Amino acid sequence: MLLANVVGTVVSTRKDDALVGFKLLIVKIAEKQGPQSGTQLVAVDTVGAGVGERVLVATGSAARVTLPVAAPTDAAIVGIVDTTDIVT
């Protein structure tokens, strides 16, 4: 699971039937997330997130099981982060 920020939206006139009704959002992986830091992904929004929000993103097979039906996705937004607290 990755921590990311929603930085944009994707408009798609046609998409797989399993994705109809879901928004596609562009997320940027937060800093200090390993080699993926700063990478941008298109993720299926399953929780109603919006631009500017910090979110949790599931990738790989975990992303596919978040949808009610099998869908061709490799990244899904599964949570909206209210606050973070790092204890050192």
PDB file of N, CA and C in Angstrom:
ATOM      1  N   MET A   1       0.847  -1.159   0.000  1.00  0.00           N
ATOM      2  CA  MET A   1       0.000   0.000   0.000  1.00  0.00           C
ATOM      3  C   MET A   1       0.900   1.230   0.000  1.00  0.00           C
ATOM      4  N   LEU A   2       0.476   2.235  -0.757  1.00  0.00           N
ATOM      5  CA  LEU A   2       1.276   3.440  -0.923  1.00  0.00           C
ATOM      6  C   LEU A   2       0.503   4.669  -0.466  1.00  0.00           C
ATOM      7  N   LEU A   3       1.224   5.653   0.034  1.00  0.00           N
ATOM      8  CA  LEU A   3       0.659   6.944   0.390  1.00  0.00           C
ATOM      9  C   LEU A   3       0.878   7.864  -0.808  1.00  0.00           C
ATOM     10  N   ALA A   4      -0.183   8.551  -1.247  1.00  0.00           N
ATOM     11  CA  ALA A   4      -0.076   9.382  -2.443  1.00  0.00           C
ATOM     12  C   ALA A   4      -0.964  10.608  -2.322  1.00  0.00           C
ATOM     13  N   ASN A   5      -0.744  11.555  -3.234  1.00  0.00           N
ATOM     14  CA  ASN A   5      -1.573  12.756  -3.330  1.00  0.00           C
ATOM     15  C   ASN A   5      -2.290  12.743  -4.675  1.00  0.00           C
ATOM     16  N   VAL A   6      -3.577  13.089  -4.675  1.00  0.00           N
ATOM     17  CA  VAL A   6      -4.331  13.169  -5.928  1.00  0.00           C
ATOM     18  C   VAL A   6      -3.970  14.487  -6.598  1.00  0.00           C
ATOM     19  N   VAL A   7      -3.468  14.398  -7.836  1.00  0.00           N
ATOM     20  CA  VAL A   7      -3.003  15.598  -8.526  1.00  0.00           C
ATOM     21  C   VAL A   7      -3.797  15.915  -9.795  1.00  0.00           C
ATOM     22  N   GLY A   8      -4.708  15.045 -10.190  1.00  0.00           N
ATOM     23  CA  GLY A   8      -5.476  15.318 -11.399  1.00  0.00           C
ATOM     24  C   GLY A   8      -6.515  14.262 -11.678  1.00  0.00           C
ATOM     25  N   THR A   9      -7.252  14.484 -12.750  1.00  0.00           N
ATOM     26  CA  THR A   9      -8.298  13.550 -13.161  1.00  0.00           C
ATOM     27  C   THR A   9      -8.042  13.069 -14.579  1.00  0.00           C
ATOM     28  N   VAL A  10      -8.668  11.965 -14.920  1.00  0.00           N
ATOM     29  CA  VAL A  10      -8.590  11.420 -16.267  1.00  0.00           C
ATOM     30  C   VAL A  10     -10.009  11.361 -16.819  1.00  0.00           C
ATOM     31  N   VAL A  11     -10.201  11.871 -18.025  1.00  0.00           N
ATOM     32  CA  VAL A  11     -11.496  11.775 -18.693  1.00  0.00           C
ATOM     33  C   VAL A  11     -11.373  10.704 -19.758  1.00  0.00           C
ATOM     34  N   SER A  12     -12.261   9.723 -19.681  1.00  0.00           N
ATOM     35  CA  SER A  12     -12.224   8.606 -20.620  1.00  0.00           C
ATOM     36  C   SER A  12     -13.606   8.423 -21.234  1.00  0.00           C
ATOM     37  N   THR A  13     -13.703   8.588 -22.546  1.00  0.00           N
ATOM     38  CA  THR A  13     -15.000   8.436 -23.196  1.00  0.00           C
ATOM     39  C   THR A  13     -15.407   6.970 -23.304  1.00  0.00           C
ATOM     40  N   ARG A  14     -14.430   6.088 -23.297  1.00  0.00           N
ATOM     41  CA  ARG A  14     -14.711   4.648 -23.341  1.00  0.00           C
ATOM     42  C   ARG A  14     -13.783   3.948 -22.369  1.00  0.00           C
ATOM     43  N   LYS A  15     -14.340   3.002 -21.627  1.00  0.00           N
ATOM     44  CA  LYS A  15     -13.517   2.196 -20.737  1.00  0.00           C
ATOM     45  C   LYS A  15     -14.193   0.852 -20.538  1.00  0.00           C
ATOM     46  N   ASP A  16     -13.475  -0.076 -19.934  1.00  0.00           N
ATOM     47  CA  ASP A  16     -14.011  -1.403 -19.669  1.00  0.00           C
ATOM     48  C   ASP A  16     -15.316  -1.291 -18.889  1.00  0.00           C
ATOM     49  N   ASP A  17     -16.269  -2.158 -19.196  1.00  0.00           N
ATOM     50  CA  ASP A  17     -17.578  -2.121 -18.528  1.00  0.00           C
ATOM     51  C   ASP A  17     -17.466  -2.219 -17.013  1.00  0.00           C
ATOM     52  N   ALA A  18     -16.479  -2.933 -16.516  1.00  0.00           N
ATOM     53  CA  ALA A  18     -16.307  -3.088 -15.071  1.00  0.00           C
ATOM     54  C   ALA A  18     -15.891  -1.783 -14.397  1.00  0.00           C
ATOM     55  N   LEU A  19     -15.395  -0.823 -15.167  1.00  0.00           N
ATOM     56  CA  LEU A  19     -14.942   0.451 -14.606  1.00  0.00           C
ATOM     57  C   LEU A  19     -15.972   1.571 -14.753  1.00  0.00           C
ATOM     58  N   VAL A  20     -17.087   1.287 -15.413  1.00  0.00           N
ATOM     59  CA  VAL A  20     -18.126   2.302 -15.582  1.00  0.00           C
ATOM     60  C   VAL A  20     -18.657   2.696 -14.201  1.00  0.00           C
ATOM     61  N   GLY A  21     -18.756   3.988 -13.954  1.00  0.00           N
ATOM     62  CA  GLY A  21     -19.232   4.487 -12.667  1.00  0.00           C
ATOM     63  C   GLY A  21     -18.112   4.824 -11.693  1.00  0.00           C
ATOM     64  N   PHE A  22     -16.882   4.497 -12.044  1.00  0.00           N
ATOM     65  CA  PHE A  22     -15.734   4.813 -11.193  1.00  0.00           C
ATOM     66  C   PHE A  22     -14.919   5.928 -11.832  1.00  0.00           C
ATOM     67  N   LYS A  23     -14.451   6.896 -11.005  1.00  0.00           N
ATOM     68  CA  LYS A  23     -13.561   7.948 -11.494  1.00  0.00           C
ATOM     69  C   LYS A  23     -12.155   7.382 -11.644  1.00  0.00           C
ATOM     70  N   LEU A  24     -11.422   7.931 -12.573  1.00  0.00           N
ATOM     71  CA  LEU A  24      -9.999   7.637 -12.726  1.00  0.00           C
ATOM     72  C   LEU A  24      -9.247   8.895 -12.319  1.00  0.00           C
ATOM     73  N   LEU A  25      -8.337   8.762 -11.360  1.00  0.00           N
ATOM     74  CA  LEU A  25      -7.594   9.909 -10.849  1.00  0.00           C
ATOM     75  C   LEU A  25      -6.092   9.700 -11.019  1.00  0.00           C
ATOM     76  N   ILE A  26      -5.374  10.786 -11.202  1.00  0.00           N
ATOM     77  CA  ILE A  26      -3.919  10.734 -11.273  1.00  0.00           C
ATOM     78  C   ILE A  26      -3.393  10.977  -9.869  1.00  0.00           C
ATOM     79  N   VAL A  27      -2.583  10.049  -9.380  1.00  0.00           N
ATOM     80  CA  VAL A  27      -1.999  10.186  -8.045  1.00  0.00           C
ATOM     81  C   VAL A  27      -0.482  10.230  -8.164  1.00  0.00           C
ATOM     82  N   LYS A  28       0.129  11.011  -7.279  1.00  0.00           N
ATOM     83  CA  LYS A  28       1.586  11.105  -7.226  1.00  0.00           C
ATOM     84  C   LYS A  28       2.029  10.481  -5.911  1.00  0.00           C
ATOM     85  N   ILE A  29       2.881   9.459  -6.005  1.00  0.00           N
ATOM     86  CA  ILE A  29       3.355   8.744  -4.826  1.00  0.00           C
ATOM     87  C   ILE A  29       4.151   9.703  -3.950  1.00  0.00           C
ATOM     88  N   ALA A  30       3.855   9.691  -2.648  1.00  0.00           N
ATOM     89  CA  ALA A  30       4.507  10.590  -1.697  1.00  0.00           C
ATOM     90  C   ALA A  30       6.003  10.308  -1.579  1.00  0.00           C
ATOM     91  N   GLU A  31       6.728  11.284  -1.119  1.00  0.00           N
ATOM     92  CA  GLU A  31       8.171  11.143  -0.922  1.00  0.00           C
ATOM     93  C   GLU A  31       8.470  10.040   0.096  1.00  0.00           C
ATOM     94  N   LYS A  32       9.656   9.512   0.024  1.00  0.00           N
ATOM     95  CA  LYS A  32      10.150   8.481   0.942  1.00  0.00           C
ATOM     96  C   LYS A  32       9.324   7.200   0.893  1.00  0.00           C
ATOM     97  N   GLN A  33       8.824   6.861  -0.305  1.00  0.00           N
ATOM     98  CA  GLN A  33       8.089   5.620  -0.508  1.00  0.00           C
ATOM     99  C   GLN A  33       8.934   4.646  -1.333  1.00  0.00           C
ATOM    100  N   GLY A  34      10.227   4.753  -1.218  1.00  0.00           N
ATOM    101  CA  GLY A  34      11.120   3.861  -1.945  1.00  0.00           C
ATOM    102  C   GLY A  34      11.327   4.317  -3.373  1.00  0.00           C
ATOM    103  N   PRO A  35      11.625   3.378  -4.271  1.00  0.00           N
ATOM    104  CA  PRO A  35      11.944   3.751  -5.653  1.00  0.00           C
ATOM    105  C   PRO A  35      10.767   4.349  -6.414  1.00  0.00           C
ATOM    106  N   GLN A  36       9.563   4.207  -5.899  1.00  0.00           N
ATOM    107  CA  GLN A  36       8.390   4.755  -6.586  1.00  0.00           C
ATOM    108  C   GLN A  36       8.090   6.205  -6.211  1.00  0.00           C
ATOM    109  N   SER A  37       8.853   6.801  -5.311  1.00  0.00           N
ATOM    110  CA  SER A  37       8.610   8.186  -4.877  1.00  0.00           C
ATOM    111  C   SER A  37       8.529   9.119  -6.066  1.00  0.00           C
ATOM    112  N   GLY A  38       7.490   9.950  -6.082  1.00  0.00           N
ATOM    113  CA  GLY A  38       7.326  10.919  -7.160  1.00  0.00           C
ATOM    114  C   GLY A  38       6.683  10.374  -8.414  1.00  0.00           C
ATOM    115  N   THR A  39       6.518   9.070  -8.509  1.00  0.00           N
ATOM    116  CA  THR A  39       5.898   8.452  -9.675  1.00  0.00           C
ATOM    117  C   THR A  39       4.413   8.807  -9.723  1.00  0.00           C
ATOM    118  N   GLN A  40       3.905   9.031 -10.920  1.00  0.00           N
ATOM    119  CA  GLN A  40       2.482   9.299 -11.082  1.00  0.00           C
ATOM    120  C   GLN A  40       1.799   8.070 -11.669  1.00  0.00           C
ATOM    121  N   LEU A  41       0.616   7.750 -11.134  1.00  0.00           N
ATOM    122  CA  LEU A  41      -0.164   6.599 -11.578  1.00  0.00           C
ATOM    123  C   LEU A  41      -1.593   7.029 -11.843  1.00  0.00           C
ATOM    124  N   VAL A  42      -2.278   6.292 -12.693  1.00  0.00           N
ATOM    125  CA  VAL A  42      -3.719   6.443 -12.829  1.00  0.00           C
ATOM    126  C   VAL A  42      -4.339   5.378 -11.945  1.00  0.00           C
ATOM    127  N   ALA A  43      -5.208   5.799 -11.029  1.00  0.00           N
ATOM    128  CA  ALA A  43      -5.823   4.863 -10.085  1.00  0.00           C
ATOM    129  C   ALA A  43      -7.341   4.969 -10.156  1.00  0.00           C
ATOM    130  N   VAL A  44      -8.002   3.846  -9.976  1.00  0.00           N
ATOM    131  CA  VAL A  44      -9.460   3.812  -9.909  1.00  0.00           C
ATOM    132  C   VAL A  44      -9.872   4.291  -8.525  1.00  0.00           C
ATOM    133  N   ASP A  45     -10.781   5.252  -8.467  1.00  0.00           N
ATOM    134  CA  ASP A  45     -11.235   5.804  -7.186  1.00  0.00           C
ATOM    135  C   ASP A  45     -12.416   4.987  -6.667  1.00  0.00           C
ATOM    136  N   THR A  46     -12.217   4.298  -5.549  1.00  0.00           N
ATOM    137  CA  THR A  46     -13.290   3.487  -4.965  1.00  0.00           C
ATOM    138  C   THR A  46     -13.913   4.136  -3.732  1.00  0.00           C
ATOM    139  N   VAL A  47     -13.404   5.322  -3.321  1.00  0.00           N
ATOM    140  CA  VAL A  47     -13.864   5.928  -2.070  1.00  0.00           C
ATOM    141  C   VAL A  47     -14.353   7.374  -2.199  1.00  0.00           C
ATOM    142  N   GLY A  48     -14.348   7.942  -3.379  1.00  0.00           N
ATOM    143  CA  GLY A  48     -14.821   9.314  -3.546  1.00  0.00           C
ATOM    144  C   GLY A  48     -13.793  10.384  -3.256  1.00  0.00           C
ATOM    145  N   ALA A  49     -12.550  10.125  -3.554  1.00  0.00           N
ATOM    146  CA  ALA A  49     -11.476  11.093  -3.330  1.00  0.00           C
ATOM    147  C   ALA A  49     -11.535  12.198  -4.379  1.00  0.00           C
ATOM    148  N   GLY A  50     -10.825  13.288  -4.095  1.00  0.00           N
ATOM    149  CA  GLY A  50     -10.776  14.406  -5.022  1.00  0.00           C
ATOM    150  C   GLY A  50      -9.375  14.977  -5.121  1.00  0.00           C
ATOM    151  N   VAL A  51      -9.186  15.867  -6.068  1.00  0.00           N
ATOM    152  CA  VAL A  51      -7.889  16.502  -6.290  1.00  0.00           C
ATOM    153  C   VAL A  51      -7.475  17.244  -5.022  1.00  0.00           C
ATOM    154  N   GLY A  52      -6.207  17.078  -4.636  1.00  0.00           N
ATOM    155  CA  GLY A  52      -5.660  17.736  -3.465  1.00  0.00           C
ATOM    156  C   GLY A  52      -5.688  16.882  -2.214  1.00  0.00           C
ATOM    157  N   GLU A  53      -6.364  15.750  -2.250  1.00  0.00           N
ATOM    158  CA  GLU A  53      -6.440  14.907  -1.058  1.00  0.00           C
ATOM    159  C   GLU A  53      -5.294  13.910  -1.011  1.00  0.00           C
ATOM    160  N   ARG A  54      -4.920  13.530   0.203  1.00  0.00           N
ATOM    161  CA  ARG A  54      -3.918  12.487   0.425  1.00  0.00           C
ATOM    162  C   ARG A  54      -4.676  11.169   0.552  1.00  0.00           C
ATOM    163  N   VAL A  55      -4.195  10.135  -0.154  1.00  0.00           N
ATOM    164  CA  VAL A  55      -4.931   8.876  -0.226  1.00  0.00           C
ATOM    165  C   VAL A  55      -4.012   7.675  -0.037  1.00  0.00           C
ATOM    166  N   LEU A  56      -4.634   6.533   0.234  1.00  0.00           N
ATOM    167  CA  LEU A  56      -3.945   5.252   0.263  1.00  0.00           C
ATOM    168  C   LEU A  56      -4.245   4.544  -1.043  1.00  0.00           C
ATOM    169  N   VAL A  57      -3.206   4.011  -1.675  1.00  0.00           N
ATOM    170  CA  VAL A  57      -3.358   3.353  -2.965  1.00  0.00           C
ATOM    171  C   VAL A  57      -2.892   1.903  -2.851  1.00  0.00           C
ATOM    172  N   ALA A  58      -3.764   0.989  -3.252  1.00  0.00           N
ATOM    173  CA  ALA A  58      -3.404  -0.423  -3.332  1.00  0.00           C
ATOM    174  C   ALA A  58      -2.994  -0.702  -4.769  1.00  0.00           C
ATOM    175  N   THR A  59      -1.965  -1.517  -4.948  1.00  0.00           N
ATOM    176  CA  THR A  59      -1.501  -1.850  -6.294  1.00  0.00           C
ATOM    177  C   THR A  59      -1.481  -3.359  -6.490  1.00  0.00           C
ATOM    178  N   GLY A  60      -1.361  -3.757  -7.744  1.00  0.00           N
ATOM    179  CA  GLY A  60      -1.281  -5.185  -8.065  1.00  0.00           C
ATOM    180  C   GLY A  60      -2.600  -5.902  -7.833  1.00  0.00           C
ATOM    181  N   SER A  61      -2.523  -7.154  -7.406  1.00  0.00           N
ATOM    182  CA  SER A  61      -3.727  -7.960  -7.221  1.00  0.00           C
ATOM    183  C   SER A  61      -4.630  -7.392  -6.132  1.00  0.00           C
ATOM    184  N   ALA A  62      -4.065  -6.689  -5.149  1.00  0.00           N
ATOM    185  CA  ALA A  62      -4.883  -6.064  -4.100  1.00  0.00           C
ATOM    186  C   ALA A  62      -5.808  -5.003  -4.687  1.00  0.00           C
ATOM    187  N   ALA A  63      -5.384  -4.327  -5.740  1.00  0.00           N
ATOM    188  CA  ALA A  63      -6.214  -3.305  -6.372  1.00  0.00           C
ATOM    189  C   ALA A  63      -7.416  -3.932  -7.068  1.00  0.00           C
ATOM    190  N   ARG A  64      -7.234  -5.082  -7.671  1.00  0.00           N
ATOM    191  CA  ARG A  64      -8.326  -5.731  -8.394  1.00  0.00           C
ATOM    192  C   ARG A  64      -9.443  -6.211  -7.479  1.00  0.00           C
ATOM    193  N   VAL A  65      -9.126  -6.623  -6.270  1.00  0.00           N
ATOM    194  CA  VAL A  65     -10.164  -7.158  -5.382  1.00  0.00           C
ATOM    195  C   VAL A  65     -10.950  -6.068  -4.666  1.00  0.00           C
ATOM    196  N   THR A  66     -10.582  -4.805  -4.828  1.00  0.00           N
ATOM    197  CA  THR A  66     -11.325  -3.721  -4.182  1.00  0.00           C
ATOM    198  C   THR A  66     -12.605  -3.386  -4.932  1.00  0.00           C
ATOM    199  N   LEU A  67     -12.697  -3.773  -6.180  1.00  0.00           N
ATOM    200  CA  LEU A  67     -13.879  -3.488  -6.987  1.00  0.00           C
ATOM    201  C   LEU A  67     -14.894  -4.618  -6.847  1.00  0.00           C
ATOM    202  N   PRO A  68     -16.187  -4.320  -7.023  1.00  0.00           N
ATOM    203  CA  PRO A  68     -17.209  -5.355  -6.855  1.00  0.00           C
ATOM    204  C   PRO A  68     -17.153  -6.467  -7.905  1.00  0.00           C
ATOM    205  N   VAL A  69     -16.585  -6.188  -9.064  1.00  0.00           N
ATOM    206  CA  VAL A  69     -16.418  -7.197 -10.112  1.00  0.00           C
ATOM    207  C   VAL A  69     -14.975  -7.163 -10.585  1.00  0.00           C
ATOM    208  N   ALA A  70     -14.538  -8.244 -11.200  1.00  0.00           N
ATOM    209  CA  ALA A  70     -13.167  -8.290 -11.719  1.00  0.00           C
ATOM    210  C   ALA A  70     -12.987  -7.201 -12.773  1.00  0.00           C
ATOM    211  N   ALA A  71     -11.945  -6.401 -12.610  1.00  0.00           N
ATOM    212  CA  ALA A  71     -11.694  -5.301 -13.532  1.00  0.00           C
ATOM    213  C   ALA A  71     -10.200  -5.206 -13.823  1.00  0.00           C
ATOM    214  N   PRO A  72      -9.853  -4.734 -15.014  1.00  0.00           N
ATOM    215  CA  PRO A  72      -8.442  -4.596 -15.381  1.00  0.00           C
ATOM    216  C   PRO A  72      -7.824  -3.343 -14.768  1.00  0.00           C
ATOM    217  N   THR A  73      -7.378  -3.461 -13.529  1.00  0.00           N
ATOM    218  CA  THR A  73      -6.765  -2.311 -12.869  1.00  0.00           C
ATOM    219  C   THR A  73      -5.532  -2.752 -12.099  1.00  0.00           C
ATOM    220  N   ASP A  74      -4.566  -1.859 -12.015  1.00  0.00           N
ATOM    221  CA  ASP A  74      -3.343  -2.155 -11.278  1.00  0.00           C
ATOM    222  C   ASP A  74      -3.142  -1.206 -10.109  1.00  0.00           C
ATOM    223  N   ALA A  75      -4.040  -0.202  -9.978  1.00  0.00           N
ATOM    224  CA  ALA A  75      -3.952   0.740  -8.859  1.00  0.00           C
ATOM    225  C   ALA A  75      -5.353   1.198  -8.493  1.00  0.00           C
ATOM    226  N   ALA A  76      -5.667   1.166  -7.199  1.00  0.00           N
ATOM    227  CA  ALA A  76      -6.980   1.599  -6.730  1.00  0.00           C
ATOM    228  C   ALA A  76      -6.828   2.419  -5.453  1.00  0.00           C
ATOM    229  N   ILE A  77      -7.568   3.513  -5.382  1.00  0.00           N
ATOM    230  CA  ILE A  77      -7.588   4.326  -4.172  1.00  0.00           C
ATOM    231  C   ILE A  77      -8.538   3.648  -3.196  1.00  0.00           C
ATOM    232  N   VAL A  78      -8.008   3.286  -2.028  1.00  0.00           N
ATOM    233  CA  VAL A  78      -8.805   2.526  -1.061  1.00  0.00           C
ATOM    234  C   VAL A  78      -9.049   3.277   0.242  1.00  0.00           C
ATOM    235  N   GLY A  79      -8.508   4.475   0.383  1.00  0.00           N
ATOM    236  CA  GLY A  79      -8.722   5.240   1.606  1.00  0.00           C
ATOM    237  C   GLY A  79      -8.316   6.687   1.432  1.00  0.00           C
ATOM    238  N   ILE A  80      -8.980   7.569   2.179  1.00  0.00           N
ATOM    239  CA  ILE A  80      -8.617   8.981   2.238  1.00  0.00           C
ATOM    240  C   ILE A  80      -7.976   9.227   3.594  1.00  0.00           C
ATOM    241  N   VAL A  81      -6.786   9.804   3.583  1.00  0.00           N
ATOM    242  CA  VAL A  81      -6.017  10.024   4.810  1.00  0.00           C
ATOM    243  C   VAL A  81      -6.414  11.348   5.438  1.00  0.00           C
ATOM    244  N   ASP A  82      -6.818  11.303   6.703  1.00  0.00           N
ATOM    245  CA  ASP A  82      -7.159  12.533   7.427  1.00  0.00           C
ATOM    246  C   ASP A  82      -5.907  13.189   7.996  1.00  0.00           C
ATOM    247  N   THR A  83      -5.094  12.419   8.707  1.00  0.00           N
ATOM    248  CA  THR A  83      -3.865  12.951   9.269  1.00  0.00           C
ATOM    249  C   THR A  83      -2.796  11.859   9.258  1.00  0.00           C
ATOM    250  N   THR A  84      -1.553  12.295   9.340  1.00  0.00           N
ATOM    251  CA  THR A  84      -0.446  11.354   9.497  1.00  0.00           C
ATOM    252  C   THR A  84       0.394  11.834  10.671  1.00  0.00           C
ATOM    253  N   ASP A  85       0.979  10.881  11.369  1.00  0.00           N
ATOM    254  CA  ASP A  85       1.811  11.206  12.521  1.00  0.00           C
ATOM    255  C   ASP A  85       2.990  10.249  12.508  1.00  0.00           C
ATOM    256  N   ILE A  86       4.181  10.765  12.303  1.00  0.00           N
ATOM    257  CA  ILE A  86       5.373   9.938  12.255  1.00  0.00           C
ATOM    258  C   ILE A  86       6.127  10.098  13.574  1.00  0.00           C
ATOM    259  N   VAL A  87       6.303   8.996  14.270  1.00  0.00           N
ATOM    260  CA  VAL A  87       7.010   9.007  15.552  1.00  0.00           C
ATOM    261  C   VAL A  87       8.424   8.521  15.312  1.00  0.00           C
ATOM    262  N   THR A  88       9.394   9.304  15.738  1.00  0.00           N
ATOM    263  CA  THR A  88      10.796   8.894  15.539  1.00  0.00           C
ATOM    264  C   THR A  88      11.463   8.533  16.835  1.00  0.00           C
TER     265      THR A  88
END
